[in-house]
Amino acid sequence: MGIFGFDLKTIGLQLNAATGEINGVPTKRGDYRFSVSAAGPLSARRFSLTIR
């Protein structure tokens, strides 16, 4: 599992590749869009994350 199109670390978060959990303490507010791939680029899903 991986995230592409955005680096979560830039806002203080990280992805646990084994569980899919995003955790950490957000450091920047904003709307962020990224894609998550579980098996490869052909099975990617797009998501957005809003931090207020």
N, C-alpha and C. Protein backbone atom coordinates (compact mmCIF):
# COMPACT_ATOMS: atom_id res chain seq x y z
N MET A 1 0.84 -1.16 0.00
CA MET A 1 0.00 0.00 0.00
C MET A 1 0.89 1.23 0.00
N GLY A 2 0.53 2.19 -0.79
CA GLY A 2 1.31 3.41 -0.83
C GLY A 2 0.47 4.60 -1.25
N ILE A 3 0.96 5.76 -0.94
CA ILE A 3 0.31 7.00 -1.34
C ILE A 3 1.20 7.66 -2.37
N PHE A 4 0.58 8.16 -3.45
CA PHE A 4 1.36 8.89 -4.42
C PHE A 4 0.60 10.15 -4.81
N GLY A 5 1.33 11.14 -5.30
CA GLY A 5 0.76 12.43 -5.64
C GLY A 5 0.79 13.40 -4.48
N PHE A 6 1.26 12.92 -3.31
CA PHE A 6 1.32 13.77 -2.14
C PHE A 6 2.14 13.06 -1.07
N ASP A 7 2.94 13.80 -0.34
CA ASP A 7 3.74 13.24 0.74
C ASP A 7 3.13 13.65 2.07
N LEU A 8 2.50 12.70 2.78
CA LEU A 8 1.85 12.99 4.06
C LEU A 8 2.80 13.59 5.08
N LYS A 9 4.07 13.24 4.99
CA LYS A 9 5.05 13.73 5.97
C LYS A 9 5.15 15.26 5.96
N THR A 10 4.82 15.89 4.82
CA THR A 10 4.91 17.34 4.74
C THR A 10 3.90 18.04 5.65
N ILE A 11 2.87 17.30 6.09
CA ILE A 11 1.89 17.88 7.01
C ILE A 11 1.85 17.13 8.34
N GLY A 12 2.91 16.38 8.64
CA GLY A 12 3.04 15.73 9.94
C GLY A 12 2.32 14.39 10.09
N LEU A 13 1.90 13.78 8.98
CA LEU A 13 1.19 12.51 9.03
C LEU A 13 2.01 11.41 8.37
N GLN A 14 1.63 10.16 8.64
CA GLN A 14 2.30 9.04 7.99
C GLN A 14 1.30 7.92 7.75
N LEU A 15 1.61 7.09 6.78
CA LEU A 15 0.77 5.95 6.42
C LEU A 15 1.42 4.68 6.93
N ASN A 16 0.66 3.86 7.65
CA ASN A 16 1.11 2.54 8.05
C ASN A 16 0.76 1.62 6.88
N ALA A 17 1.75 1.20 6.12
CA ALA A 17 1.52 0.40 4.92
C ALA A 17 0.90 -0.96 5.23
N ALA A 18 1.11 -1.49 6.42
CA ALA A 18 0.56 -2.79 6.78
C ALA A 18 -0.93 -2.72 7.10
N THR A 19 -1.38 -1.62 7.72
CA THR A 19 -2.78 -1.52 8.14
C THR A 19 -3.59 -0.51 7.34
N GLY A 20 -2.93 0.40 6.63
CA GLY A 20 -3.63 1.43 5.89
C GLY A 20 -4.01 2.63 6.74
N GLU A 21 -3.62 2.61 8.00
CA GLU A 21 -3.97 3.70 8.92
C GLU A 21 -3.09 4.92 8.67
N ILE A 22 -3.73 6.09 8.63
CA ILE A 22 -3.01 7.36 8.57
C ILE A 22 -2.99 7.90 9.99
N ASN A 23 -1.80 8.20 10.50
CA ASN A 23 -1.73 8.71 11.87
C ASN A 23 -0.69 9.81 11.98
N GLY A 24 -0.67 10.45 13.12
CA GLY A 24 0.24 11.55 13.38
C GLY A 24 -0.53 12.77 13.87
N VAL A 25 0.17 13.86 13.99
CA VAL A 25 -0.45 15.13 14.42
C VAL A 25 -0.31 16.11 13.26
N PRO A 26 -1.43 16.52 12.66
CA PRO A 26 -1.35 17.46 11.53
C PRO A 26 -0.66 18.75 11.93
N THR A 27 0.20 19.24 11.04
CA THR A 27 0.95 20.47 11.31
C THR A 27 0.51 21.63 10.43
N LYS A 28 -0.29 21.37 9.40
CA LYS A 28 -0.75 22.42 8.48
C LYS A 28 -2.22 22.22 8.15
N ARG A 29 -2.97 23.32 8.15
CA ARG A 29 -4.37 23.26 7.73
C ARG A 29 -4.46 23.30 6.22
N GLY A 30 -5.55 22.77 5.68
CA GLY A 30 -5.76 22.87 4.25
C GLY A 30 -6.51 21.68 3.69
N ASP A 31 -6.76 21.73 2.40
CA ASP A 31 -7.38 20.63 1.67
C ASP A 31 -6.29 19.94 0.87
N TYR A 32 -6.20 18.63 1.00
CA TYR A 32 -5.14 17.87 0.34
C TYR A 32 -5.76 16.72 -0.44
N ARG A 33 -5.29 16.50 -1.65
CA ARG A 33 -5.77 15.40 -2.48
C ARG A 33 -4.60 14.46 -2.76
N PHE A 34 -4.90 13.18 -2.69
CA PHE A 34 -3.86 12.19 -2.93
C PHE A 34 -4.49 10.90 -3.40
N SER A 35 -3.70 9.99 -3.91
CA SER A 35 -4.17 8.67 -4.35
C SER A 35 -3.53 7.61 -3.50
N VAL A 36 -4.28 6.55 -3.25
CA VAL A 36 -3.78 5.41 -2.49
C VAL A 36 -3.79 4.20 -3.40
N SER A 37 -2.69 3.50 -3.44
CA SER A 37 -2.58 2.29 -4.24
C SER A 37 -2.36 1.10 -3.32
N ALA A 38 -3.23 0.09 -3.42
CA ALA A 38 -3.11 -1.09 -2.57
C ALA A 38 -2.39 -2.23 -3.28
N ALA A 39 -2.53 -2.30 -4.60
CA ALA A 39 -1.91 -3.40 -5.32
C ALA A 39 -1.09 -2.94 -6.52
N GLY A 40 -1.19 -1.70 -6.86
CA GLY A 40 -0.46 -1.16 -8.00
C GLY A 40 -1.22 0.01 -8.58
N PRO A 41 -0.62 0.70 -9.53
CA PRO A 41 -1.23 1.89 -10.10
C PRO A 41 -2.60 1.66 -10.73
N LEU A 42 -2.87 0.46 -11.21
CA LEU A 42 -4.16 0.21 -11.85
C LEU A 42 -5.31 0.09 -10.86
N SER A 43 -5.02 -0.07 -9.58
CA SER A 43 -6.09 -0.20 -8.60
C SER A 43 -6.10 0.97 -7.62
N ALA A 44 -5.59 2.11 -8.04
CA ALA A 44 -5.51 3.28 -7.17
C ALA A 44 -6.89 3.91 -6.98
N ARG A 45 -7.10 4.48 -5.81
CA ARG A 45 -8.31 5.23 -5.51
C ARG A 45 -7.90 6.62 -5.08
N ARG A 46 -8.70 7.61 -5.44
CA ARG A 46 -8.40 8.99 -5.08
C ARG A 46 -9.18 9.40 -3.82
N PHE A 47 -8.52 10.16 -2.96
CA PHE A 47 -9.11 10.63 -1.73
C PHE A 47 -8.76 12.09 -1.51
N SER A 48 -9.51 12.73 -0.65
CA SER A 48 -9.14 14.07 -0.22
C SER A 48 -9.17 14.10 1.30
N LEU A 49 -8.39 14.98 1.87
CA LEU A 49 -8.25 15.09 3.32
C LEU A 49 -8.31 16.57 3.65
N THR A 50 -9.20 16.93 4.57
CA THR A 50 -9.31 18.31 5.02
C THR A 50 -8.86 18.40 6.47
N ILE A 51 -7.93 19.29 6.74
CA ILE A 51 -7.46 19.52 8.09
C ILE A 51 -7.85 20.94 8.48
N ARG A 52 -8.60 21.03 9.56
CA ARG A 52 -9.09 22.36 10.00
C ARG A 52 -8.46 22.74 11.29
